[in-house]
Amino acid sequence: MADTPAKKTEQKRKQKADPGRQSPSTADWHTTAYSVQKERLAEYSTIGNLSVPALVGPEQRDHWSFEEKLGYPGEFPFTRGPQASMYRGRLWTMRQFAGFGSPRDTNERFRYLLSQGQMGLSTAFDMPTLMGYDPDSEYSLGEVGREGVSVSCIDDMEVLFDGIELDKVTTSMTVNCSAAPILAMYFAIGRRRGISWHEMGGTIQNDILKEYIAQKEWICPPEPAVRIVCDMIEFCTAEARRFHPVSISGYHIREAGATAVQELAFTLYDGITYVEECLKRGMAIDSFAPRLSFFWDVHNDFFEEIAKFRAARRMWAYFMRDRFHASDVRSYKLRTHAQTAGVSLTAQQPVNNVARVALQALAAVLGGTQSLHTNSMDETLSLPTAEAVTIALRTQQIIAEESGVVNTVDPLAGSYFIEEMTDRVEEEAMAYIRQLDDMGGMLKAIDIGFPQKEIAESAYTFQQQVERGEKTIVGVNKFVAEDEVVDIPLHEMDNAMEQERVDWIKKYKASRSQETVHKHHEALRDACKNGSNIMPVLIEAVDDGVTLGEVSDIYREVFGVYRDPGMF
């Protein structure tokens, strides 16, 4: 095999330093200089159990094509980032997840975060909202406002975004099976304020496939649920051009115990599935593909995570060009939000979480994310305090303003190890992609429990490795502090808040025109049955006071309730 230009350059440099010496190969280095050294561990591997070599040299890259694998930032295959200037032109959007108690409580946190330099809002909803129940449901007891903000109706949404300019600030909303009524409320209050939907920017998670795979928050079976997702994609494509109608989420897949490779493969295949379903209804690929977005977890293994981001962009670019024949370059670009790994946070020695989050955030930035949330150190113990969330935000600001990593575009490109790891992550993920294709797609794979089983086995393997001491968690299985006392301030919930929310929603429902509410219920029921796009119907319904729980009850009635098959 002919020497590559990089190899020839390296040989010339060596010969200039010592004209009588030929440049050794990496294999030579292993058998001479390195073989006499002792290693601390018998083997080295990533969190996802990819083996880590002591050294990667130029000969390992002889097969490698710059044009096919790397290219330039802002150009196909976008390995180096979706924009040419990256952070020299615009920093990533700094978001801090916020949501607790009543809409007024969360509105106050939103305003605080914006005053501290946050660039966009990220909304966490409580479990009843996420599962499609109003506060007065028997299924909501004990959970109202506990893990996020309680939102049931358009009046709640008005309070949640009181005083916030919806055409100036982008909003992310983490909600899935009940995403459609939430988005309908958001657009309805925009219309009430005289704001064009085309001027409202943001993202709604709306990724129901990963719910069946990992997070388990659903209402109806997969097929009608995916139909609703595609209704929202179709509606936003026509009516809200700046809004991302789905954030295809690897985050919860990873939090359930998946490896980086599994997160990458299953998430991209979820994206493939949504694209295929939209194409089936006659949508042109380039009409909606530029508004698809993705959401990744950022775990502890620094280089594996960077490689995952790079591989994701490259894989998606090739899928869009070669599998779906998109022609608009915007369709090739994978747009990324990221969040540091909640599952990596420890209740033991919680201040250590500040260091974990900083390294994870740096990996996301070096990987080229466009948006980032950094977790707070106290999240394993309570909802974040204002002090803890400020530290998490300052972590991003220090990376952006003090570290210097934003001053050049894709500083790690060309690293032998980074490029080798990126290729390996992609190869392992592509093996899963081929398996899913052979099974007939993600919906069929979910039916037989394939991704669920793969994730469960990975989670079990990692836990065993931790218990055997093969993988270290500082403060948990190494450097453990005896008789440790957690001495950090924690957020305290108002126990009276839940009953106040229950009483309020009962009064709200009683105050509405029952005739009008019934009319909207029937219109939504018909739209669900006849296959028409539900979004226009939903916007009118919630604007007249129909609640999230009532919409979800109609889903349950028309589509049925999904039960996990529990096949593994």
Protein backbone atom coordinates (compact mmCIF):
# COMPACT_ATOMS: atom_id res chain seq x y z
CA MET A 1 0.00 0.00 0.00
CA ALA A 2 1.40 3.42 -0.97
CA ASP A 3 2.36 5.80 1.78
CA THR A 4 -0.21 8.47 2.53
CA PRO A 5 0.82 12.15 2.41
CA ALA A 6 0.61 12.30 6.21
CA LYS A 7 2.90 9.27 6.56
CA LYS A 8 5.46 10.66 4.10
CA THR A 9 5.50 13.97 5.96
CA GLU A 10 6.13 12.19 9.26
CA GLN A 11 8.93 10.10 7.74
CA LYS A 12 10.64 13.22 6.34
CA ARG A 13 10.44 14.88 9.75
CA LYS A 14 12.05 11.88 11.42
CA GLN A 15 14.78 11.57 8.78
CA LYS A 16 15.59 15.26 9.07
CA ALA A 17 16.07 14.83 12.80
CA ASP A 18 18.13 11.65 12.29
CA PRO A 19 18.96 10.98 8.60
CA GLY A 20 20.13 7.44 9.37
CA ARG A 21 16.90 6.38 11.07
CA GLN A 22 13.72 5.08 9.41
CA SER A 23 10.37 5.98 11.02
CA PRO A 24 9.17 3.01 13.12
CA SER A 25 5.62 1.74 12.88
CA THR A 26 3.19 1.66 15.77
CA ALA A 27 3.69 -2.11 15.89
CA ASP A 28 7.46 -1.57 16.24
CA TRP A 29 6.83 0.86 19.08
CA HIS A 30 4.62 -1.71 20.83
CA THR A 31 7.24 -4.45 20.61
CA THR A 32 10.18 -2.27 21.62
CA ALA A 33 9.53 0.84 23.67
CA TYR A 34 6.11 -0.06 25.06
CA SER A 35 6.39 -3.78 25.69
CA VAL A 36 8.83 -3.26 28.55
CA GLN A 37 6.40 -0.98 30.38
CA LYS A 38 3.91 -2.19 32.96
CA GLU A 39 0.20 -1.38 32.65
CA ARG A 40 -2.08 -0.61 35.59
CA LEU A 41 -4.92 -2.77 34.23
CA ALA A 42 -5.08 -6.05 32.36
CA GLU A 43 -7.22 -4.40 29.68
CA TYR A 44 -8.60 -0.97 28.88
CA SER A 45 -12.07 -0.35 27.48
CA THR A 46 -14.66 2.38 27.20
CA ILE A 47 -17.81 2.48 29.30
CA GLY A 48 -19.46 0.79 26.31
CA ASN A 49 -16.78 -1.95 26.35
CA LEU A 50 -15.00 -0.94 23.16
CA SER A 51 -11.33 -1.87 23.59
CA VAL A 52 -8.96 1.09 23.89
CA PRO A 53 -5.50 0.65 22.33
CA ALA A 54 -2.43 2.12 23.98
CA LEU A 55 -1.64 4.04 20.81
CA VAL A 56 -3.13 4.59 17.36
CA GLY A 57 -0.62 5.49 14.64
CA PRO A 58 -0.71 6.68 11.04
CA GLU A 59 -0.62 3.19 9.55
CA GLN A 60 -3.99 2.45 11.14
CA ARG A 61 -5.38 5.29 9.03
CA ASP A 62 -3.91 4.16 5.67
CA HIS A 63 -7.33 2.93 4.50
CA TRP A 64 -8.99 6.19 5.45
CA SER A 65 -10.42 8.77 3.05
CA PHE A 66 -10.46 12.41 4.13
CA GLU A 67 -13.29 13.25 1.74
CA GLU A 68 -15.53 10.32 2.74
CA LYS A 69 -14.88 10.33 6.48
CA LEU A 70 -13.96 13.86 7.54
CA GLY A 71 -14.24 16.71 5.06
CA TYR A 72 -14.47 20.31 6.26
CA PRO A 73 -16.81 21.84 8.85
CA GLY A 74 -20.15 22.75 7.36
CA GLU A 75 -19.61 20.40 4.41
CA PHE A 76 -20.60 16.80 3.68
CA PRO A 77 -20.40 14.45 5.58
CA PHE A 78 -20.51 17.02 8.43
CA THR A 79 -18.30 14.95 10.76
CA ARG A 80 -16.64 18.20 11.82
CA GLY A 81 -19.86 20.09 12.50
CA PRO A 82 -22.98 21.34 10.70
CA GLN A 83 -21.71 24.93 10.34
CA ALA A 84 -18.46 26.13 8.82
CA SER A 85 -17.66 28.64 11.56
CA MET A 86 -19.12 26.59 14.44
CA TYR A 87 -18.56 28.37 17.78
CA ARG A 88 -16.45 31.14 16.23
CA GLY A 89 -19.69 32.29 14.61
CA ARG A 90 -22.23 31.30 17.25
CA LEU A 91 -22.01 29.56 20.59
CA TRP A 92 -24.26 26.63 21.37
CA THR A 93 -27.58 27.47 23.02
CA MET A 94 -27.22 27.14 26.78
CA ARG A 95 -30.35 25.63 28.31
CA GLN A 96 -31.06 24.56 31.86
CA PHE A 97 -33.90 22.12 32.36
CA ALA A 98 -36.48 23.73 34.65
CA GLY A 99 -39.87 22.68 35.90
CA PHE A 100 -41.43 22.10 39.32
CA GLY A 101 -44.60 22.78 41.21
CA SER A 102 -47.10 25.15 39.68
CA PRO A 103 -46.71 27.08 36.40
CA ARG A 104 -46.03 30.22 38.46
CA ASP A 105 -43.17 28.52 40.34
CA THR A 106 -41.53 27.48 37.09
CA ASN A 107 -42.10 30.85 35.43
CA GLU A 108 -40.10 32.41 38.26
CA ARG A 109 -37.23 29.94 37.63
CA PHE A 110 -37.38 30.68 33.89
CA ARG A 111 -37.03 34.39 34.53
CA TYR A 112 -34.15 33.81 36.94
CA LEU A 113 -32.23 31.65 34.45
CA LEU A 114 -32.72 34.14 31.62
CA SER A 115 -31.41 36.88 33.90
CA GLN A 116 -28.28 34.77 34.51
CA GLY A 117 -27.40 34.45 30.83
CA GLN A 118 -29.34 31.38 29.74
CA MET A 119 -30.10 31.58 26.02
CA GLY A 120 -33.20 29.36 25.72
CA LEU A 121 -35.78 27.68 27.91
CA SER A 122 -36.05 23.95 28.55
CA THR A 123 -39.25 22.76 30.21
CA ALA A 124 -39.63 19.73 32.46
CA PHE A 125 -43.18 18.49 33.07
CA ASP A 126 -44.42 16.43 36.01
CA MET A 127 -45.32 12.77 35.68
CA PRO A 128 -49.11 13.24 35.39
CA THR A 129 -48.59 15.70 32.52
CA LEU A 130 -46.13 13.33 30.85
CA MET A 131 -48.58 10.44 31.13
CA GLY A 132 -51.66 12.40 30.03
CA TYR A 133 -53.49 12.99 33.32
CA ASP A 134 -54.89 16.15 34.90
CA PRO A 135 -54.10 16.85 38.59
CA ASP A 136 -57.55 15.71 39.71
CA SER A 137 -57.08 12.19 38.28
CA GLU A 138 -56.70 9.36 40.77
CA TYR A 139 -53.53 8.39 38.90
CA SER A 140 -51.93 11.77 39.70
CA LEU A 141 -52.05 11.43 43.48
CA GLY A 142 -48.69 12.21 45.06
CA GLU A 143 -47.01 13.19 41.78
CA VAL A 144 -48.43 16.60 40.93
CA GLY A 145 -45.60 19.10 40.40
CA ARG A 146 -43.00 16.74 41.91
CA GLU A 147 -40.69 15.97 38.98
CA GLY A 148 -41.60 18.93 36.81
CA VAL A 149 -44.24 21.54 36.26
CA SER A 150 -47.94 20.63 36.30
CA VAL A 151 -49.65 21.79 33.08
CA SER A 152 -53.22 20.81 32.23
CA CYS A 153 -54.78 23.61 30.21
CA ILE A 154 -54.09 26.74 28.23
CA ASP A 155 -54.41 28.95 31.32
CA ASP A 156 -51.50 27.01 32.85
CA MET A 157 -49.47 27.60 29.69
CA GLU A 158 -50.24 31.33 29.81
CA VAL A 159 -48.87 31.53 33.36
CA LEU A 160 -45.86 29.33 32.56
CA PHE A 161 -44.70 31.73 29.83
CA ASP A 162 -45.97 34.95 31.39
CA GLY A 163 -43.72 37.87 30.45
CA ILE A 164 -41.57 35.74 28.13
CA GLU A 165 -41.35 36.81 24.48
CA LEU A 166 -42.10 33.65 22.54
CA ASP A 167 -40.79 35.11 19.27
CA LYS A 168 -37.47 36.04 20.92
CA VAL A 169 -36.65 33.03 23.14
CA THR A 170 -36.57 29.47 21.86
CA THR A 171 -38.35 26.92 24.02
CA SER A 172 -37.65 23.22 24.42
CA MET A 173 -40.38 21.04 25.92
CA THR A 174 -39.60 17.51 27.12
CA VAL A 175 -42.86 15.64 26.66
CA ASN A 176 -43.81 12.71 24.45
CA CYS A 177 -47.13 10.82 24.55
CA SER A 178 -48.97 14.04 25.50
CA ALA A 179 -46.83 16.26 23.29
CA ALA A 180 -49.60 17.19 20.85
CA PRO A 181 -51.91 18.97 23.34
CA ILE A 182 -48.90 20.70 24.93
CA LEU A 183 -47.74 22.00 21.54
CA ALA A 184 -51.30 22.99 20.70
CA MET A 185 -51.46 25.09 23.91
CA TYR A 186 -48.11 26.71 23.07
CA PHE A 187 -49.24 27.71 19.58
CA ALA A 188 -52.62 28.86 20.91
CA ILE A 189 -51.05 31.31 23.37
CA GLY A 190 -48.77 32.54 20.59
CA ARG A 191 -51.82 33.26 18.47
CA ARG A 192 -53.51 35.00 21.42
CA ARG A 193 -50.47 37.27 21.68
CA GLY A 194 -50.50 38.07 17.97
CA ILE A 195 -47.32 36.11 17.20
CA SER A 196 -47.06 34.24 13.91
CA TRP A 197 -46.30 30.54 14.44
CA HIS A 198 -43.51 30.94 11.89
CA GLU A 199 -41.81 33.30 14.35
CA MET A 200 -41.96 30.84 17.26
CA GLY A 201 -38.76 28.84 17.56
CA GLY A 202 -38.10 25.82 19.70
CA THR A 203 -38.32 22.06 20.00
CA ILE A 204 -40.78 19.58 21.42
CA GLN A 205 -39.34 16.16 22.19
CA ASN A 206 -42.27 14.14 20.82
CA ASP A 207 -40.18 10.98 20.30
CA ILE A 208 -42.61 8.21 21.12
CA LEU A 209 -40.50 5.35 19.75
CA LYS A 210 -37.85 5.71 22.43
CA GLU A 211 -40.63 5.53 25.02
CA TYR A 212 -41.40 1.95 23.97
CA ILE A 213 -37.68 1.21 23.85
CA ALA A 214 -36.56 2.81 27.11
CA GLN A 215 -38.50 5.40 29.10
CA LYS A 216 -41.93 3.68 29.19
CA GLU A 217 -44.16 6.78 29.18
CA TRP A 218 -46.90 6.06 26.66
CA ILE A 219 -50.66 6.07 26.19
CA CYS A 220 -51.60 4.18 23.04
CA PRO A 221 -49.90 1.49 20.91
CA PRO A 222 -46.91 2.37 18.70
CA GLU A 223 -48.68 2.67 15.32
CA PRO A 224 -51.25 5.38 16.24
CA ALA A 225 -48.66 7.08 18.43
CA VAL A 226 -46.24 7.39 15.50
CA ARG A 227 -49.13 8.68 13.39
CA ILE A 228 -49.61 11.54 15.88
CA VAL A 229 -45.88 12.35 15.78
CA CYS A 230 -46.07 12.58 11.99
CA ASP A 231 -49.19 14.78 12.22
CA MET A 232 -47.10 17.21 14.25
CA ILE A 233 -44.19 17.06 11.79
CA GLU A 234 -46.57 17.69 8.89
CA PHE A 235 -48.30 20.57 10.69
CA CYS A 236 -45.09 22.34 11.71
CA THR A 237 -43.62 21.90 8.22
CA ALA A 238 -46.53 23.93 6.84
CA GLU A 239 -47.38 26.28 9.72
CA ALA A 240 -44.35 26.74 12.02
CA ARG A 241 -41.15 26.73 9.99
CA ARG A 242 -38.81 27.61 12.89
CA PHE A 243 -40.14 24.94 15.21
CA HIS A 244 -38.59 21.48 15.53
CA PRO A 245 -41.59 19.12 15.83
CA VAL A 246 -39.56 16.17 17.10
CA SER A 247 -36.32 15.75 19.02
CA ILE A 248 -35.27 12.19 18.32
CA SER A 249 -33.89 11.21 21.65
CA GLY A 250 -31.02 8.94 22.52
CA TYR A 251 -30.84 10.47 25.97
CA HIS A 252 -33.42 8.24 27.62
CA ILE A 253 -32.15 5.19 25.75
CA ARG A 254 -28.72 5.80 27.28
CA GLU A 255 -30.15 6.56 30.70
CA ALA A 256 -31.88 3.16 30.62
CA GLY A 257 -28.48 1.48 30.39
CA ALA A 258 -27.61 1.45 26.68
CA THR A 259 -24.03 1.76 25.49
CA ALA A 260 -22.95 4.71 23.34
CA VAL A 261 -23.16 2.46 20.27
CA GLN A 262 -26.70 1.31 21.13
CA GLU A 263 -27.79 4.86 21.85
CA LEU A 264 -26.46 5.94 18.46
CA ALA A 265 -27.93 3.05 16.48
CA PHE A 266 -31.39 2.92 18.03
CA THR A 267 -31.80 6.71 17.96
CA LEU A 268 -30.79 7.08 14.33
CA TYR A 269 -33.09 4.21 13.42
CA ASP A 270 -35.96 5.93 15.23
CA GLY A 271 -35.19 8.91 12.99
CA ILE A 272 -35.22 6.67 9.93
CA THR A 273 -38.63 5.34 10.99
CA TYR A 274 -40.17 8.82 11.32
CA VAL A 275 -38.78 9.77 7.92
CA GLU A 276 -40.23 6.65 6.31
CA GLU A 277 -43.66 7.27 7.87
CA CYS A 278 -43.71 10.88 6.67
CA LEU A 279 -42.74 9.79 3.17
CA LYS A 280 -45.62 7.29 3.18
CA ARG A 281 -48.09 10.16 3.60
CA GLY A 282 -46.66 11.89 0.55
CA MET A 283 -44.41 14.47 2.17
CA ALA A 284 -41.30 15.51 0.21
CA ILE A 285 -38.11 14.62 2.08
CA ASP A 286 -36.59 18.09 1.81
CA SER A 287 -39.77 19.74 3.08
CA PHE A 288 -39.42 18.32 6.61
CA ALA A 289 -35.97 16.77 7.07
CA PRO A 290 -34.24 20.11 7.85
CA ARG A 291 -36.49 20.52 10.92
CA LEU A 292 -35.71 17.14 12.49
CA SER A 293 -33.47 17.38 15.54
CA PHE A 294 -31.69 14.93 17.82
CA PHE A 295 -30.99 14.75 21.55
CA TRP A 296 -27.98 12.89 22.95
CA ASP A 297 -26.78 11.83 26.36
CA VAL A 298 -23.21 12.80 27.30
CA HIS A 299 -21.72 10.16 29.58
CA ASN A 300 -18.39 9.91 31.39
CA ASP A 301 -16.16 8.32 28.73
CA PHE A 302 -14.73 11.49 27.23
CA PHE A 303 -13.43 10.30 23.86
CA GLU A 304 -16.18 7.75 23.25
CA GLU A 305 -18.76 10.51 23.63
CA ILE A 306 -16.93 12.85 21.25
CA ALA A 307 -16.67 10.02 18.72
CA LYS A 308 -20.41 9.33 19.07
CA PHE A 309 -21.32 12.92 18.15
CA ARG A 310 -19.02 12.86 15.12
CA ALA A 311 -20.25 9.45 13.95
CA ALA A 312 -23.90 10.52 14.36
CA ARG A 313 -23.50 13.48 12.01
CA ARG A 314 -21.66 11.44 9.41
CA MET A 315 -24.10 8.53 9.49
CA TRP A 316 -27.16 10.78 9.24
CA ALA A 317 -25.67 12.68 6.30
CA TYR A 318 -25.14 9.45 4.38
CA PHE A 319 -28.59 8.11 5.31
CA MET A 320 -30.27 11.27 4.07
CA ARG A 321 -28.28 11.41 0.84
CA ASP A 322 -28.05 7.73 -0.12
CA ARG A 323 -31.03 6.07 1.61
CA PHE A 324 -33.62 8.83 1.20
CA HIS A 325 -32.14 10.75 -1.76
CA ALA A 326 -32.55 14.16 -0.19
CA SER A 327 -31.11 16.93 -2.35
CA ASP A 328 -31.21 19.94 -0.01
CA VAL A 329 -27.94 20.15 1.93
CA ARG A 330 -29.91 21.27 5.00
CA SER A 331 -31.52 17.83 5.09
CA TYR A 332 -28.11 16.21 5.55
CA LYS A 333 -27.28 18.15 8.71
CA LEU A 334 -27.96 16.41 12.01
CA ARG A 335 -28.91 19.07 14.55
CA THR A 336 -28.00 18.22 18.11
CA HIS A 337 -29.11 19.03 21.63
CA ALA A 338 -27.23 17.30 24.41
CA GLN A 339 -27.59 16.82 28.13
CA THR A 340 -25.03 15.60 30.59
CA ALA A 341 -25.77 12.14 31.96
CA GLY A 342 -28.23 12.18 34.84
CA VAL A 343 -27.57 8.48 35.37
CA SER A 344 -23.90 9.23 36.09
CA LEU A 345 -24.69 11.53 39.01
CA THR A 346 -24.18 10.08 42.47
CA ALA A 347 -25.93 10.72 45.76
CA GLN A 348 -22.64 9.84 47.44
CA GLN A 349 -20.25 12.81 47.54
CA PRO A 350 -22.61 14.91 45.37
CA VAL A 351 -20.13 17.76 44.92
CA ASN A 352 -18.16 15.33 42.72
CA ASN A 353 -21.00 15.72 40.23
CA VAL A 354 -19.74 19.22 39.41
CA ALA A 355 -16.54 17.70 38.00
CA ARG A 356 -18.42 14.98 36.12
CA VAL A 357 -20.76 17.51 34.53
CA ALA A 358 -17.88 19.79 33.50
CA LEU A 359 -16.09 16.97 31.67
CA GLN A 360 -19.27 15.76 30.03
CA ALA A 361 -20.12 19.29 28.91
CA LEU A 362 -16.64 19.71 27.45
CA ALA A 363 -17.07 16.45 25.52
CA ALA A 364 -20.37 17.72 24.08
CA VAL A 365 -18.73 20.97 22.98
CA LEU A 366 -15.72 19.22 21.44
CA GLY A 367 -18.20 16.86 19.78
CA GLY A 368 -19.96 19.84 18.19
CA THR A 369 -23.35 20.14 19.91
CA GLN A 370 -25.66 23.05 19.00
CA SER A 371 -27.49 23.12 22.33
CA LEU A 372 -26.57 21.91 25.81
CA HIS A 373 -28.09 21.33 29.22
CA THR A 374 -25.80 20.71 32.18
CA ASN A 375 -27.20 18.78 35.13
CA SER A 376 -27.06 20.16 38.66
CA MET A 377 -25.03 18.42 41.35
CA ASP A 378 -28.04 17.84 43.61
CA GLU A 379 -30.38 16.12 41.14
CA THR A 380 -30.02 12.66 42.68
CA LEU A 381 -31.30 14.10 45.96
CA SER A 382 -33.96 16.65 44.98
CA LEU A 383 -35.08 19.04 42.29
CA PRO A 384 -32.22 21.50 41.68
CA THR A 385 -31.85 24.51 43.91
CA ALA A 386 -31.28 27.90 42.28
CA GLU A 387 -27.69 27.80 43.53
CA ALA A 388 -26.99 24.38 42.02
CA VAL A 389 -28.55 25.22 38.68
CA THR A 390 -26.51 28.42 38.55
CA ILE A 391 -23.28 26.41 39.01
CA ALA A 392 -24.40 24.13 36.17
CA LEU A 393 -25.02 27.12 33.90
CA ARG A 394 -21.72 28.74 34.92
CA THR A 395 -19.98 25.50 33.89
CA GLN A 396 -21.11 26.06 30.32
CA GLN A 397 -20.19 29.74 30.45
CA ILE A 398 -16.67 28.96 31.69
CA ILE A 399 -16.15 26.49 28.85
CA ALA A 400 -17.42 29.07 26.36
CA GLU A 401 -15.66 32.14 27.73
CA GLU A 402 -12.49 30.92 29.46
CA SER A 403 -11.29 27.56 28.14
CA GLY A 404 -10.37 28.61 24.59
CA VAL A 405 -11.85 25.44 23.05
CA VAL A 406 -14.34 27.52 21.04
CA ASN A 407 -11.66 29.58 19.33
CA THR A 408 -10.88 27.09 16.56
CA VAL A 409 -13.24 24.86 14.61
CA ASP A 410 -13.15 21.14 15.49
CA PRO A 411 -9.78 21.11 17.28
CA LEU A 412 -9.66 17.29 17.61
CA ALA A 413 -10.01 16.51 13.90
CA GLY A 414 -7.20 14.33 12.57
CA SER A 415 -6.29 12.84 15.93
CA TYR A 416 -5.41 9.23 15.16
CA PHE A 417 -7.31 8.00 18.19
CA ILE A 418 -10.38 10.21 17.73
CA GLU A 419 -10.77 9.25 14.09
CA GLU A 420 -10.22 5.56 14.84
CA MET A 421 -12.77 5.66 17.68
CA THR A 422 -15.28 7.50 15.47
CA ASP A 423 -14.94 4.82 12.80
CA ARG A 424 -15.35 2.01 15.33
CA VAL A 425 -18.44 3.55 16.92
CA GLU A 426 -19.95 3.98 13.45
CA GLU A 427 -19.11 0.40 12.42
CA GLU A 428 -20.66 -1.07 15.58
CA ALA A 429 -23.77 1.12 15.17
CA MET A 430 -24.13 0.14 11.51
CA ALA A 431 -24.19 -3.53 12.54
CA TYR A 432 -27.31 -2.74 14.62
CA ILE A 433 -28.80 -0.74 11.73
CA ARG A 434 -28.46 -3.77 9.46
CA GLN A 435 -30.06 -6.02 12.09
CA LEU A 436 -33.04 -3.66 12.39
CA ASP A 437 -33.41 -3.54 8.61
CA ASP A 438 -33.43 -7.35 8.51
CA MET A 439 -36.15 -7.42 11.19
CA GLY A 440 -38.38 -5.21 9.09
CA GLY A 441 -37.85 -1.95 10.95
CA MET A 442 -38.09 -0.48 14.43
CA LEU A 443 -41.81 -1.06 14.98
CA LYS A 444 -41.39 -4.79 14.41
CA ALA A 445 -38.22 -4.82 16.53
CA ILE A 446 -40.11 -3.21 19.41
CA ASP A 447 -42.89 -5.79 19.05
CA ILE A 448 -40.40 -8.62 19.65
CA GLY A 449 -38.53 -6.72 22.35
CA PHE A 450 -35.18 -6.53 20.55
CA PRO A 451 -33.92 -3.06 21.54
CA GLN A 452 -35.39 -3.46 25.03
CA LYS A 453 -33.48 -6.70 25.54
CA GLU A 454 -30.20 -5.29 24.21
CA ILE A 455 -30.40 -2.30 26.56
CA ALA A 456 -31.33 -4.44 29.58
CA GLU A 457 -28.36 -6.72 28.97
CA SER A 458 -25.98 -3.76 28.67
CA ALA A 459 -27.31 -2.22 31.88
CA TYR A 460 -26.86 -5.54 33.70
CA THR A 461 -23.32 -5.97 32.35
CA PHE A 462 -22.29 -2.49 33.48
CA GLN A 463 -23.74 -2.99 36.95
CA GLN A 464 -21.82 -6.24 37.29
CA GLN A 465 -18.61 -4.48 36.22
CA VAL A 466 -19.18 -1.78 38.84
CA GLU A 467 -19.83 -4.34 41.57
CA ARG A 468 -16.67 -6.26 40.64
CA GLY A 469 -14.66 -3.04 40.58
CA GLU A 470 -13.88 -3.32 36.88
CA LYS A 471 -15.51 0.05 36.21
CA THR A 472 -14.93 2.82 38.72
CA ILE A 473 -17.47 5.26 40.12
CA VAL A 474 -15.61 7.60 42.44
CA GLY A 475 -17.27 7.78 45.83
CA VAL A 476 -19.37 4.66 45.15
CA ASN A 477 -16.98 1.74 44.64
CA LYS A 478 -13.66 3.56 45.03
CA PHE A 479 -12.50 6.42 47.26
CA VAL A 480 -15.56 5.86 49.41
CA ALA A 481 -16.05 8.15 52.40
CA GLU A 482 -17.12 6.34 55.56
CA ASP A 483 -20.06 7.77 57.54
CA GLU A 484 -20.60 10.34 54.83
CA VAL A 485 -23.07 13.11 55.55
CA VAL A 486 -24.57 15.02 52.62
CA ASP A 487 -24.18 18.66 53.53
CA ILE A 488 -25.58 20.66 50.63
CA PRO A 489 -28.80 22.68 50.54
CA LEU A 490 -31.75 20.87 48.91
CA HIS A 491 -34.87 22.14 47.21
CA GLU A 492 -38.01 21.69 49.34
CA MET A 493 -41.44 21.21 47.80
CA ASP A 494 -44.55 22.90 49.17
CA ASN A 495 -46.76 20.00 50.23
CA ALA A 496 -49.89 22.13 49.92
CA MET A 497 -49.22 22.78 46.23
CA GLU A 498 -50.74 19.51 45.00
CA GLN A 499 -54.12 20.05 46.65
CA GLU A 500 -54.15 23.63 45.38
CA ARG A 501 -53.62 22.33 41.84
CA VAL A 502 -56.37 19.73 42.25
CA ASP A 503 -58.85 22.30 43.56
CA TRP A 504 -57.92 24.76 40.83
CA ILE A 505 -58.41 22.36 37.90
CA LYS A 506 -61.78 21.22 39.25
CA LYS A 507 -62.98 24.83 39.36
CA TYR A 508 -61.54 25.46 35.90
CA LYS A 509 -63.41 22.52 34.40
CA ALA A 510 -66.67 23.55 36.05
CA SER A 511 -66.37 27.12 34.73
CA ARG A 512 -66.22 26.14 31.04
CA SER A 513 -69.06 25.93 28.56
CA GLN A 514 -69.82 22.23 28.66
CA GLU A 515 -71.50 22.41 25.27
CA THR A 516 -68.35 23.88 23.71
CA VAL A 517 -66.10 21.33 25.40
CA HIS A 518 -68.32 18.46 24.19
CA LYS A 519 -68.21 19.82 20.64
CA HIS A 520 -64.41 19.83 20.68
CA HIS A 521 -64.28 16.34 22.19
CA GLU A 522 -66.37 15.05 19.29
CA ALA A 523 -64.23 16.86 16.70
CA LEU A 524 -61.05 15.38 18.17
CA ARG A 525 -62.61 11.93 18.38
CA ASP A 526 -63.54 12.15 14.69
CA ALA A 527 -60.04 13.33 13.69
CA CYS A 528 -58.47 10.42 15.55
CA LYS A 529 -60.79 7.97 13.79
CA ASN A 530 -60.73 9.37 10.24
CA GLY A 531 -56.97 9.88 9.98
CA SER A 532 -57.00 13.66 9.43
CA ASN A 533 -54.28 15.77 10.99
CA ILE A 534 -55.21 16.32 14.63
CA MET A 535 -53.22 19.51 15.23
CA PRO A 536 -55.70 22.10 13.86
CA VAL A 537 -58.49 20.42 15.85
CA LEU A 538 -56.36 20.32 19.00
CA ILE A 539 -55.40 23.99 18.81
CA GLU A 540 -59.03 25.05 18.65
CA ALA A 541 -59.97 22.60 21.43
CA VAL A 542 -57.34 23.68 23.96
CA ASP A 543 -57.97 27.34 23.16
CA ASP A 544 -61.55 26.78 24.33
CA GLY A 545 -60.48 25.05 27.54
CA VAL A 546 -60.16 21.33 26.71
CA THR A 547 -57.57 19.85 29.05
CA LEU A 548 -54.57 17.62 28.43
CA GLY A 549 -56.19 14.80 30.40
CA GLU A 550 -59.35 14.97 28.31
CA VAL A 551 -57.35 14.79 25.07
CA SER A 552 -55.43 11.81 26.41
CA ASP A 553 -58.63 10.07 27.47
CA ILE A 554 -59.86 10.33 23.89
CA TYR A 555 -56.59 8.73 22.73
CA ARG A 556 -57.23 5.90 25.21
CA GLU A 557 -60.79 5.49 23.99
CA VAL A 558 -60.06 5.53 20.24
CA PHE A 559 -56.61 3.95 20.03
CA GLY A 560 -56.57 1.77 23.14
CA VAL A 561 -53.93 1.56 25.89
CA TYR A 562 -50.55 -0.04 25.24
CA ARG A 563 -49.13 -2.64 27.61
CA ASP A 564 -45.46 -3.62 27.58
CA PRO A 565 -45.21 -7.17 26.22
CA GLY A 566 -42.39 -7.93 28.68
CA MET A 567 -40.67 -10.40 26.37
CA PHE A 568 -37.30 -10.63 28.09
